[in-house]
Amino acid sequence: MNKVLQLGLQSSVVQAAKFLVVVPFRSLRFGSSIVSVRVGTSSFNKRLMSNATVKSVPLSINNIKGKPVKLMSLSLFIFVIVYVYIQILVTFGTVVYSFILQWVFLLHYRKLGLPVKGLKKELISTLKLHMDNNESSGAEKETTSSTRSESVTIKRKIRNQEEANDDAYGNDNGEKKAKQSTEKNLKVEASLTISSKVLKTDEVISSSNQREPWTVLAHKKPEKDWKAYNPKTMRPPSVPEGTKSVKIMTWNVNGLRALLKLESFSALQLAQREDFDVLCLQETKIQVKDVEEIKKALIEGYDHSFWSCSVSKLGYSGTAIISRIKPLSVRYGTGLTGSDHDMEGRIVTAEFDSFYLINTYVPNSGDGLKRLSYRIEEWDRTLSNYIKELEKTKPVVLTGDLNCAHEEIDIYNPAGNKRSAGFTIEERQSFGENFLEKGFVDTFRKQHPGVVGYTYWGYRSGARKTNRGWRLDYFLVSESIAANVHDSYILPDVNGSDHCPIGLILKL
């Protein structure tokens, strides 16, 4: 639209300019028997009285008889000038009006929390999706049915004290808080029952799930039995009292300093809520000189922390293990002398009584897949050999951002990402050959074989709000301890990074 308005304005200006050139003031000689009008490079001299030489007669009302051409020329000139200026003002006003409309449109988008950048088609699609959400919200409030081909039934369950555990996340603190809350108040939960057809994100997202978009199955090509991961309903009860266990969490924080500066994030609240024993971080992006300062800011009780920083590129990559359990030993990198793998701070290994814990940030294949060959031919093989060597003495827990969505269930749009870093056939095959086929178990997939759960959402286009993500973060364990895994879970509600934390509860 802007282009059309600009062309209209340009056309009007050009017309006005042409007229001023065609009929300059000095070419209109009033009081003369000759009117000279220049058009382009040609000029026409037309005598008002043929075959006669007439003296110059001043223009006046008294002698206007027989000379209407001069007055008509003046009137026409004035009329055209006024008309052109009016057109310019109208066009200018329309342009200003369109800019105001666009500004109001973008302001409204921001208030709704929708993305303001992207193609026109994408913006319209996002707005349509939001409007559909609002419509479905009204339908739910009136307890009427439903969205397109899916029938949505709202069931209201009055929960008493005995049913309080269903609202917890499956951890000790969550269950205690749920029980305390239900002693005072009855809880009402709206649960959605969706008919046989699978609800896609491209269709309507129920308004009750807008605050928890991960509870809606989001996939371009879902299979019949797939379900969306919901930690509130899919996590098992807590480990029975008296059972010895360890809780490990891992999180790609995408810059630790930036995370700690967020007002909406509290490391203390996360620690209190999850009560983890060990926390593994990836992509800390800190330098060696910053480590001591960061250690001073650690939460009380987590006295053992080990940091691996990139020395080949400052402020890049980086991993860390923070623990309240003192490990028997710690090592950095793979231990290969002169290896490029150990220059970017991508591996920290902690040895505990009954297992090794390896925290790693696997290299991304990069734009244009520039590091693809390095990733699959060198890194994956080296890491696999390193793990198998450790496994000779103790079982191994491998965790971190492994930068690979192994199966189509692990990515929202598999068809559109065949040549995207993290989902190429080469990376997926290497993941299987170097880890899964060598006896390591994907704990989340074993516990939830047909469940769609993502751990990464790109910032672009608000992917997290529509749950269009990837599962890139894992806990892989030696087959010998796979049966000891009590829970492998995702915490999609924790913000602060483009990844979310994931956890593992391992019985010892």
Protein backbone atom coordinates (compact mmCIF):
# COMPACT_ATOMS: atom_id res chain seq x y z
CA MET A 1 0.00 0.00 0.00
CA ASN A 2 2.83 2.36 0.87
CA LYS A 3 4.36 1.76 -2.54
CA VAL A 4 1.10 2.66 -4.29
CA LEU A 5 0.79 5.87 -2.27
CA GLN A 6 4.39 6.81 -3.00
CA LEU A 7 3.81 6.29 -6.72
CA GLY A 8 0.67 8.43 -6.54
CA LEU A 9 2.53 11.24 -4.80
CA GLN A 10 5.38 11.04 -7.27
CA SER A 11 2.93 11.10 -10.20
CA SER A 12 1.19 14.23 -8.90
CA VAL A 13 4.46 16.07 -8.35
CA VAL A 14 5.68 15.14 -11.81
CA GLN A 15 2.43 16.37 -13.38
CA ALA A 16 2.71 19.66 -11.55
CA ALA A 17 6.32 20.07 -12.60
CA LYS A 18 5.47 19.30 -16.23
CA PHE A 19 2.71 21.89 -16.25
CA LEU A 20 4.98 24.55 -14.79
CA VAL A 21 7.49 23.75 -17.52
CA VAL A 22 4.85 23.61 -20.21
CA VAL A 23 3.28 26.93 -19.27
CA PRO A 24 5.84 29.21 -17.60
CA PHE A 25 4.71 32.59 -16.38
CA ARG A 26 6.85 34.45 -18.83
CA SER A 27 5.27 32.58 -21.75
CA LEU A 28 1.83 34.09 -21.03
CA ARG A 29 2.01 37.65 -22.35
CA PHE A 30 -1.13 39.47 -21.47
CA GLY A 31 -1.61 42.77 -23.23
CA SER A 32 -0.13 41.36 -26.41
CA SER A 33 -1.81 40.03 -29.50
CA ILE A 34 0.36 36.93 -29.41
CA VAL A 35 0.22 34.08 -26.85
CA SER A 36 3.35 31.96 -26.89
CA VAL A 37 3.04 28.50 -25.30
CA ARG A 38 6.05 26.19 -25.09
CA VAL A 39 5.46 22.45 -25.12
CA GLY A 40 8.65 20.35 -24.64
CA THR A 41 11.15 21.87 -27.07
CA SER A 42 8.55 23.21 -29.50
CA SER A 43 6.91 26.65 -29.32
CA PHE A 44 3.81 27.74 -31.07
CA ASN A 45 3.07 31.32 -32.03
CA LYS A 46 -0.48 31.79 -32.85
CA ARG A 47 -1.92 35.07 -34.01
CA LEU A 48 -5.33 35.85 -32.69
CA MET A 49 -6.22 37.78 -35.81
CA SER A 50 -5.16 36.09 -39.02
CA ASN A 51 -3.05 37.91 -41.62
CA ALA A 52 -3.00 41.16 -39.68
CA THR A 53 -0.56 43.05 -37.57
CA VAL A 54 -2.18 44.47 -34.52
CA LYS A 55 -0.80 46.74 -31.90
CA SER A 56 -0.56 45.63 -28.36
CA VAL A 57 -3.84 46.15 -26.54
CA PRO A 58 -3.92 45.98 -22.71
CA LEU A 59 -6.22 43.37 -21.20
CA SER A 60 -9.24 45.03 -19.60
CA ILE A 61 -12.92 44.50 -19.16
CA ASN A 62 -13.62 47.21 -21.74
CA ASN A 63 -11.81 45.51 -24.58
CA ILE A 64 -12.35 41.87 -23.62
CA LYS A 65 -14.82 41.44 -26.42
CA GLY A 66 -13.42 39.27 -29.14
CA LYS A 67 -10.43 38.14 -26.95
CA PRO A 68 -11.73 35.40 -24.63
CA VAL A 69 -8.63 33.19 -25.16
CA LYS A 70 -6.43 35.24 -22.85
CA LEU A 71 -8.87 35.14 -19.93
CA MET A 72 -9.56 31.46 -20.47
CA SER A 73 -5.83 30.69 -20.45
CA LEU A 74 -5.39 32.50 -17.14
CA SER A 75 -8.40 30.76 -15.61
CA LEU A 76 -7.24 27.36 -16.83
CA PHE A 77 -3.75 27.95 -15.48
CA ILE A 78 -5.06 28.93 -12.03
CA PHE A 79 -7.48 25.99 -11.97
CA VAL A 80 -4.78 23.44 -12.82
CA ILE A 81 -2.37 24.85 -10.23
CA VAL A 82 -5.04 24.70 -7.51
CA TYR A 83 -6.07 21.19 -8.58
CA VAL A 84 -2.50 19.90 -8.50
CA TYR A 85 -1.84 21.35 -5.06
CA ILE A 86 -5.08 19.84 -3.75
CA GLN A 87 -4.01 16.44 -5.13
CA ILE A 88 -0.61 16.78 -3.46
CA LEU A 89 -2.22 17.62 -0.12
CA VAL A 90 -4.67 14.72 -0.41
CA THR A 91 -1.90 12.29 -1.32
CA PHE A 92 0.33 13.52 1.49
CA GLY A 93 -2.53 13.21 3.95
CA THR A 94 -3.20 9.65 2.83
CA VAL A 95 0.45 8.72 3.34
CA VAL A 96 0.45 10.21 6.83
CA TYR A 97 -2.78 8.39 7.63
CA SER A 98 -1.31 5.07 6.49
CA PHE A 99 1.74 5.58 8.70
CA ILE A 100 -0.51 6.30 11.68
CA LEU A 101 -2.50 3.13 10.97
CA GLN A 102 0.70 1.08 10.80
CA TRP A 103 1.93 2.56 14.08
CA VAL A 104 -1.37 1.79 15.82
CA PHE A 105 -1.29 -1.73 14.33
CA LEU A 106 2.22 -2.44 15.64
CA LEU A 107 1.40 -0.93 19.04
CA HIS A 108 -1.63 -3.22 19.29
CA TYR A 109 0.53 -6.22 18.31
CA ARG A 110 3.00 -5.44 21.09
CA LYS A 111 0.22 -5.14 23.67
CA LEU A 112 -1.03 -8.56 22.65
CA GLY A 113 2.49 -9.94 23.02
CA LEU A 114 2.68 -10.89 19.35
CA PRO A 115 5.80 -10.58 17.14
CA VAL A 116 6.02 -7.35 15.13
CA LYS A 117 8.68 -8.48 12.68
CA GLY A 118 8.24 -10.79 9.74
CA LEU A 119 6.48 -11.10 6.44
CA LYS A 120 2.99 -9.69 5.99
CA LYS A 121 1.60 -13.21 5.54
CA GLU A 122 3.16 -14.39 8.79
CA LEU A 123 1.86 -11.40 10.77
CA ILE A 124 -1.67 -11.90 9.46
CA SER A 125 -1.49 -15.60 10.28
CA THR A 126 -0.32 -14.84 13.84
CA LEU A 127 -3.13 -12.31 14.37
CA LYS A 128 -5.68 -14.79 13.03
CA LEU A 129 -4.38 -17.44 15.42
CA HIS A 130 -4.66 -15.00 18.33
CA MET A 131 -8.24 -14.07 17.37
CA ASP A 132 -9.14 -17.75 17.19
CA ASN A 133 -7.65 -18.21 20.65
CA ASN A 134 -9.88 -15.47 22.03
CA GLU A 135 -12.92 -17.03 20.41
CA SER A 136 -12.08 -20.40 21.91
CA SER A 137 -11.61 -18.70 25.29
CA GLY A 138 -15.16 -17.41 25.17
CA ALA A 139 -16.40 -20.83 24.22
CA GLU A 140 -14.66 -22.40 27.20
CA LYS A 141 -15.98 -19.86 29.68
CA GLU A 142 -19.53 -20.69 28.61
CA THR A 143 -18.65 -24.42 28.70
CA THR A 144 -19.76 -24.80 25.10
CA SER A 145 -17.99 -26.95 22.53
CA SER A 146 -15.18 -26.49 20.57
CA THR A 147 -12.62 -25.86 18.00
CA ARG A 148 -13.04 -26.75 14.32
CA SER A 149 -12.94 -30.53 13.86
CA GLU A 150 -11.87 -31.14 17.49
CA SER A 151 -14.52 -31.40 20.14
CA VAL A 152 -13.35 -29.87 23.40
CA THR A 153 -15.19 -30.81 26.57
CA ILE A 154 -14.53 -28.98 29.78
CA LYS A 155 -14.75 -31.00 32.91
CA ARG A 156 -14.68 -29.29 36.24
CA LYS A 157 -13.29 -31.36 39.07
CA ILE A 158 -13.63 -30.28 42.66
CA ARG A 159 -10.50 -31.62 44.31
CA ASN A 160 -10.33 -32.38 47.99
CA GLN A 161 -7.36 -32.89 50.24
CA GLU A 162 -6.83 -36.49 49.11
CA GLU A 163 -6.41 -35.48 45.44
CA ALA A 164 -3.95 -32.62 46.04
CA ASN A 165 -0.92 -34.41 44.63
CA ASP A 166 -2.24 -34.17 41.06
CA ASP A 167 -1.39 -30.46 40.97
CA ALA A 168 2.27 -30.92 41.97
CA TYR A 169 5.19 -31.17 39.59
CA GLY A 170 6.30 -34.41 41.15
CA ASN A 171 8.90 -33.02 43.54
CA ASP A 172 8.88 -32.87 47.31
CA ASN A 173 8.39 -29.11 47.59
CA GLY A 174 5.63 -29.13 45.01
CA GLU A 175 3.67 -31.82 46.82
CA LYS A 176 3.98 -30.10 50.21
CA LYS A 177 2.78 -26.78 48.78
CA ALA A 178 -0.12 -28.48 47.02
CA LYS A 179 -1.21 -30.23 50.22
CA GLN A 180 -0.98 -27.05 52.29
CA SER A 181 -2.98 -25.14 49.74
CA THR A 182 -5.75 -27.71 49.50
CA GLU A 183 -6.18 -27.80 53.27
CA LYS A 184 -7.44 -24.23 53.04
CA ASN A 185 -9.22 -24.14 49.70
CA LEU A 186 -10.93 -26.47 47.30
CA LYS A 187 -9.31 -26.50 43.91
CA VAL A 188 -11.10 -26.33 40.60
CA GLU A 189 -9.30 -27.60 37.54
CA ALA A 190 -10.50 -27.31 33.99
CA SER A 191 -9.30 -30.31 32.03
CA LEU A 192 -9.64 -30.56 28.28
CA THR A 193 -10.68 -33.78 26.60
CA ILE A 194 -9.85 -33.65 22.90
CA SER A 195 -11.48 -35.99 20.40
CA SER A 196 -9.73 -38.44 18.10
CA LYS A 197 -8.22 -35.85 15.79
CA VAL A 198 -4.93 -34.32 16.89
CA LEU A 199 -4.95 -30.58 17.59
CA LYS A 200 -2.17 -28.82 15.66
CA THR A 201 -0.65 -25.46 16.54
CA ASP A 202 -1.54 -24.21 13.06
CA GLU A 203 -5.14 -24.62 14.12
CA VAL A 204 -6.63 -23.28 17.33
CA ILE A 205 -4.80 -23.21 20.66
CA SER A 206 -7.20 -23.37 23.55
CA SER A 207 -7.22 -20.21 25.60
CA SER A 208 -6.86 -22.11 28.86
CA ASN A 209 -3.53 -23.37 27.52
CA GLN A 210 -2.13 -20.03 26.40
CA ARG A 211 -0.21 -19.75 29.64
CA GLU A 212 1.00 -23.34 29.22
CA PRO A 213 1.47 -23.76 25.45
CA TRP A 214 3.58 -26.90 25.92
CA THR A 215 0.42 -28.78 26.95
CA VAL A 216 -0.90 -28.51 23.39
CA LEU A 217 0.45 -30.94 20.81
CA ALA A 218 2.43 -28.80 18.37
CA HIS A 219 3.80 -30.67 15.38
CA LYS A 220 3.59 -30.29 11.63
CA LYS A 221 3.13 -34.00 11.03
CA PRO A 222 1.94 -35.70 14.24
CA GLU A 223 1.29 -39.41 14.41
CA LYS A 224 -1.95 -40.79 15.75
CA ASP A 225 -0.86 -41.75 19.26
CA TRP A 226 1.41 -38.80 20.04
CA LYS A 227 0.67 -36.61 23.04
CA ALA A 228 1.94 -33.28 24.33
CA TYR A 229 4.21 -33.38 27.38
CA ASN A 230 2.64 -32.00 30.52
CA PRO A 231 4.89 -32.17 33.62
CA LYS A 232 1.90 -31.70 35.91
CA THR A 233 0.30 -34.94 34.82
CA MET A 234 3.14 -37.05 33.40
CA ARG A 235 5.67 -37.05 36.23
CA PRO A 236 5.67 -39.93 38.69
CA PRO A 237 5.24 -39.49 42.46
CA SER A 238 8.28 -38.58 44.50
CA VAL A 239 10.87 -41.18 45.41
CA PRO A 240 9.67 -43.13 48.47
CA GLU A 241 11.18 -42.08 51.77
CA GLY A 242 14.29 -43.97 52.62
CA THR A 243 15.25 -44.49 48.97
CA LYS A 244 18.62 -42.96 48.21
CA SER A 245 18.63 -40.86 45.07
CA VAL A 246 20.25 -37.88 43.37
CA LYS A 247 18.51 -35.12 41.43
CA ILE A 248 20.47 -33.59 38.55
CA MET A 249 19.37 -30.63 36.45
CA THR A 250 20.89 -29.28 33.27
CA TRP A 251 20.27 -26.01 31.45
CA ASN A 252 21.68 -24.14 28.47
CA VAL A 253 21.44 -20.62 29.90
CA ASN A 254 22.58 -18.81 26.73
CA GLY A 255 24.73 -16.38 28.74
CA LEU A 256 24.89 -16.66 32.53
CA ARG A 257 25.44 -12.96 33.21
CA ALA A 258 22.43 -11.98 31.14
CA LEU A 259 20.29 -14.55 32.95
CA LEU A 260 21.28 -13.34 36.40
CA LYS A 261 20.38 -9.76 35.44
CA LEU A 262 16.80 -10.67 34.53
CA GLU A 263 14.33 -9.35 37.08
CA SER A 264 11.91 -12.15 36.20
CA PHE A 265 14.42 -14.87 37.10
CA SER A 266 15.49 -15.99 40.56
CA ALA A 267 18.13 -18.69 40.94
CA LEU A 268 17.17 -18.98 44.59
CA GLN A 269 13.51 -19.64 43.80
CA LEU A 270 14.46 -22.24 41.20
CA ALA A 271 16.74 -24.02 43.69
CA GLN A 272 14.09 -23.95 46.40
CA ARG A 273 11.40 -25.20 44.06
CA GLU A 274 13.40 -28.02 42.46
CA ASP A 275 15.74 -28.84 45.36
CA PHE A 276 18.35 -30.28 42.97
CA ASP A 277 21.63 -31.79 44.11
CA VAL A 278 23.65 -30.97 41.00
CA LEU A 279 23.16 -28.30 38.35
CA CYS A 280 24.91 -28.45 34.98
CA LEU A 281 25.13 -25.31 32.84
CA GLN A 282 26.00 -24.87 29.19
CA GLU A 283 26.79 -21.80 27.12
CA THR A 284 27.75 -19.77 30.18
CA LYS A 285 29.76 -17.37 27.97
CA ILE A 286 31.98 -16.26 30.84
CA GLN A 287 35.75 -15.89 30.92
CA VAL A 288 38.26 -17.36 33.35
CA LYS A 289 38.70 -13.97 35.05
CA ASP A 290 34.96 -13.90 35.88
CA VAL A 291 34.76 -17.27 37.62
CA GLU A 292 35.66 -16.16 41.16
CA GLU A 293 33.14 -13.32 41.03
CA ILE A 294 30.42 -15.73 39.90
CA LYS A 295 31.32 -18.21 42.65
CA LYS A 296 30.69 -15.55 45.30
CA ALA A 297 27.13 -15.14 44.00
CA LEU A 298 26.28 -18.86 44.26
CA ILE A 299 23.42 -19.98 46.43
CA GLU A 300 24.32 -21.10 49.93
CA GLY A 301 24.77 -24.84 50.18
CA TYR A 302 26.13 -25.31 46.67
CA ASP A 303 29.76 -25.02 47.66
CA HIS A 304 31.35 -27.06 44.89
CA SER A 305 31.48 -25.53 41.43
CA PHE A 306 33.68 -26.31 38.45
CA TRP A 307 33.95 -24.09 35.40
CA SER A 308 35.33 -24.69 31.92
CA CYS A 309 35.73 -21.53 29.82
CA SER A 310 36.61 -21.05 26.18
CA VAL A 311 40.18 -19.84 25.66
CA SER A 312 40.14 -19.90 21.86
CA LYS A 313 37.27 -17.41 21.68
CA LEU A 314 36.51 -15.30 24.74
CA GLY A 315 32.94 -14.97 25.96
CA TYR A 316 31.90 -18.03 23.96
CA SER A 317 30.55 -21.48 24.84
CA GLY A 318 31.51 -22.56 28.38
CA THR A 319 30.19 -25.23 30.78
CA ALA A 320 29.91 -25.63 34.54
CA ILE A 321 28.89 -28.10 37.24
CA ILE A 322 27.50 -26.69 40.51
CA SER A 323 26.94 -29.22 43.27
CA ARG A 324 26.19 -29.54 46.95
CA ILE A 325 27.73 -33.01 46.84
CA LYS A 326 31.51 -33.00 46.75
CA PRO A 327 32.73 -35.08 43.79
CA LEU A 328 35.61 -37.53 44.12
CA SER A 329 37.41 -35.96 41.16
CA VAL A 330 36.91 -33.46 38.35
CA ARG A 331 38.41 -33.25 34.90
CA TYR A 332 38.05 -30.78 32.04
CA GLY A 333 37.81 -31.66 28.37
CA THR A 334 38.49 -35.09 26.93
CA GLY A 335 42.08 -35.18 28.08
CA LEU A 336 43.45 -35.55 24.56
CA THR A 337 46.72 -33.65 24.27
CA GLY A 338 46.55 -30.83 21.74
CA SER A 339 42.89 -31.50 20.96
CA ASP A 340 40.89 -28.61 19.55
CA HIS A 341 37.87 -30.00 21.40
CA ASP A 342 39.21 -28.79 24.72
CA MET A 343 39.86 -25.18 23.70
CA GLU A 344 36.22 -24.06 23.77
CA GLY A 345 35.29 -25.13 27.31
CA ARG A 346 32.72 -27.68 26.25
CA ILE A 347 33.17 -30.55 28.72
CA VAL A 348 33.32 -30.89 32.52
CA THR A 349 33.34 -34.36 34.11
CA ALA A 350 32.65 -35.01 37.80
CA GLU A 351 33.18 -38.40 39.42
CA PHE A 352 30.76 -39.40 42.16
CA ASP A 353 30.60 -42.58 44.22
CA SER A 354 28.49 -44.62 41.83
CA PHE A 355 28.72 -42.83 38.47
CA TYR A 356 30.49 -40.31 36.28
CA LEU A 357 28.62 -37.16 35.32
CA ILE A 358 29.65 -35.58 32.01
CA ASN A 359 28.29 -32.12 31.27
CA THR A 360 28.79 -31.14 27.64
CA TYR A 361 27.85 -28.47 25.13
CA VAL A 362 28.10 -30.12 21.72
CA PRO A 363 29.24 -27.83 18.88
CA ASN A 364 26.54 -26.57 16.57
CA SER A 365 27.12 -27.37 12.90
CA GLY A 366 26.67 -23.67 12.19
CA ASP A 367 25.21 -21.55 9.41
CA GLY A 368 25.62 -23.26 6.10
CA LEU A 369 26.66 -26.42 8.02
CA LYS A 370 30.25 -25.18 8.06
CA ARG A 371 31.18 -27.37 11.04
CA LEU A 372 29.13 -30.41 10.08
CA SER A 373 32.08 -32.59 9.12
CA TYR A 374 33.98 -31.59 12.27
CA ARG A 375 30.91 -32.34 14.36
CA ILE A 376 30.19 -35.86 13.08
CA GLU A 377 33.66 -37.04 12.10
CA GLU A 378 35.67 -35.69 15.02
CA TRP A 379 33.62 -34.41 17.96
CA ASP A 380 30.98 -37.15 18.20
CA ARG A 381 33.54 -39.93 17.79
CA THR A 382 35.93 -38.43 20.33
CA LEU A 383 33.17 -37.91 22.92
CA SER A 384 31.86 -41.43 22.36
CA ASN A 385 35.29 -42.97 22.86
CA TYR A 386 35.84 -40.83 25.97
CA ILE A 387 32.56 -42.02 27.50
CA LYS A 388 33.23 -45.67 26.73
CA GLU A 389 36.63 -45.37 28.39
CA LEU A 390 35.08 -43.99 31.59
CA GLU A 391 32.38 -46.63 31.49
CA LYS A 392 34.99 -49.31 32.03
CA THR A 393 35.14 -48.32 35.70
CA LYS A 394 31.70 -46.76 36.44
CA PRO A 395 28.37 -46.10 34.72
CA VAL A 396 28.12 -42.75 32.97
CA VAL A 397 25.46 -40.02 32.90
CA LEU A 398 25.89 -37.78 29.86
CA THR A 399 23.90 -34.55 29.91
CA GLY A 400 23.74 -31.14 28.29
CA ASP A 401 22.84 -29.47 25.03
CA LEU A 402 23.66 -32.22 22.53
CA ASN A 403 22.49 -30.06 19.61
CA CYS A 404 20.57 -32.79 17.85
CA ALA A 405 16.85 -33.50 17.49
CA HIS A 406 17.25 -37.21 16.99
CA GLU A 407 13.81 -38.18 15.67
CA GLU A 408 10.96 -36.42 13.90
CA ILE A 409 8.98 -36.41 17.13
CA ASP A 410 11.71 -34.19 18.59
CA ILE A 411 11.12 -31.21 16.28
CA TYR A 412 8.03 -29.20 15.36
CA ASN A 413 8.75 -28.98 11.63
CA PRO A 414 10.86 -31.93 10.49
CA ALA A 415 10.19 -31.54 6.77
CA GLY A 416 11.27 -27.90 6.76
CA ASN A 417 14.53 -28.53 8.62
CA LYS A 418 16.12 -31.41 6.74
CA ARG A 419 19.23 -29.30 6.08
CA SER A 420 19.16 -27.27 9.27
CA ALA A 421 21.96 -27.65 11.82
CA GLY A 422 20.79 -30.05 14.50
CA PHE A 423 18.46 -32.08 12.28
CA THR A 424 20.50 -33.14 9.28
CA ILE A 425 20.45 -36.84 8.49
CA GLU A 426 24.21 -36.93 9.11
CA GLU A 427 23.88 -35.57 12.65
CA ARG A 428 20.98 -37.85 13.50
CA GLN A 429 22.80 -40.92 12.22
CA SER A 430 25.94 -39.94 14.12
CA PHE A 431 23.88 -39.47 17.30
CA GLY A 432 22.54 -42.98 16.94
CA GLU A 433 25.81 -44.64 15.97
CA ASN A 434 28.06 -42.97 18.55
CA PHE A 435 25.74 -42.97 21.55
CA LEU A 436 22.50 -44.94 21.38
CA GLU A 437 23.90 -47.92 19.51
CA LYS A 438 26.83 -48.07 21.93
CA GLY A 439 24.64 -48.79 24.92
CA PHE A 440 23.46 -45.37 26.09
CA VAL A 441 19.79 -44.80 26.79
CA ASP A 442 17.80 -41.65 26.01
CA THR A 443 16.01 -41.46 29.37
CA PHE A 444 13.21 -39.09 28.36
CA ARG A 445 12.31 -41.04 25.25
CA LYS A 446 12.37 -44.33 27.16
CA GLN A 447 10.00 -42.94 29.79
CA HIS A 448 7.79 -41.10 27.26
CA PRO A 449 7.94 -43.02 23.93
CA GLY A 450 5.10 -41.17 22.20
CA VAL A 451 5.31 -37.79 23.88
CA VAL A 452 6.21 -34.50 22.19
CA GLY A 453 8.31 -32.43 24.57
CA TYR A 454 10.63 -29.61 23.47
CA THR A 455 13.54 -28.00 25.29
CA TYR A 456 14.49 -25.24 22.83
CA TRP A 457 12.43 -22.54 21.12
CA GLY A 458 14.01 -19.94 18.83
CA TYR A 459 13.46 -16.33 19.80
CA ARG A 460 12.37 -15.49 16.27
CA SER A 461 8.61 -15.34 15.58
CA GLY A 462 7.71 -16.07 19.21
CA ALA A 463 8.17 -19.83 18.82
CA ARG A 464 7.81 -20.49 22.55
CA LYS A 465 4.32 -19.00 22.69
CA THR A 466 3.14 -21.45 20.06
CA ASN A 467 5.34 -24.34 21.27
CA ARG A 468 7.19 -24.68 17.97
CA GLY A 469 10.38 -26.12 19.34
CA TRP A 470 13.14 -28.71 19.30
CA ARG A 471 14.32 -31.28 21.84
CA LEU A 472 18.06 -30.68 21.95
CA ASP A 473 18.85 -31.30 25.63
CA TYR A 474 19.26 -34.82 26.98
CA PHE A 475 20.14 -37.18 29.77
CA LEU A 476 21.80 -40.27 28.31
CA VAL A 477 22.79 -42.98 30.78
CA SER A 478 24.68 -46.23 30.62
CA GLU A 479 22.38 -49.16 30.01
CA SER A 480 23.45 -50.71 33.32
CA ILE A 481 21.72 -47.94 35.32
CA ALA A 482 18.80 -47.17 32.97
CA ALA A 483 16.42 -49.10 35.22
CA ASN A 484 17.41 -46.85 38.15
CA VAL A 485 16.03 -43.74 36.46
CA HIS A 486 13.02 -42.68 38.50
CA ASP A 487 12.13 -39.63 36.40
CA SER A 488 13.44 -37.82 33.33
CA TYR A 489 11.54 -34.59 32.92
CA ILE A 490 11.34 -31.17 31.25
CA LEU A 491 10.56 -27.83 32.93
CA PRO A 492 9.07 -25.80 30.05
CA ASP A 493 7.67 -23.14 32.37
CA VAL A 494 11.12 -21.86 33.38
CA ASN A 495 12.08 -18.85 31.26
CA GLY A 496 15.26 -16.83 30.96
CA SER A 497 16.86 -18.57 27.99
CA ASP A 498 15.88 -19.98 24.61
CA HIS A 499 16.31 -23.38 26.28
CA CYS A 500 14.51 -24.64 29.38
CA PRO A 501 15.97 -26.82 32.14
CA ILE A 502 15.55 -30.58 32.18
CA GLY A 503 16.00 -32.94 35.10
CA LEU A 504 16.88 -36.49 36.07
CA ILE A 505 16.13 -38.33 39.31
CA LEU A 506 18.40 -41.34 39.63
CA LYS A 507 18.00 -43.93 42.36
CA LEU A 508 21.36 -44.99 43.78
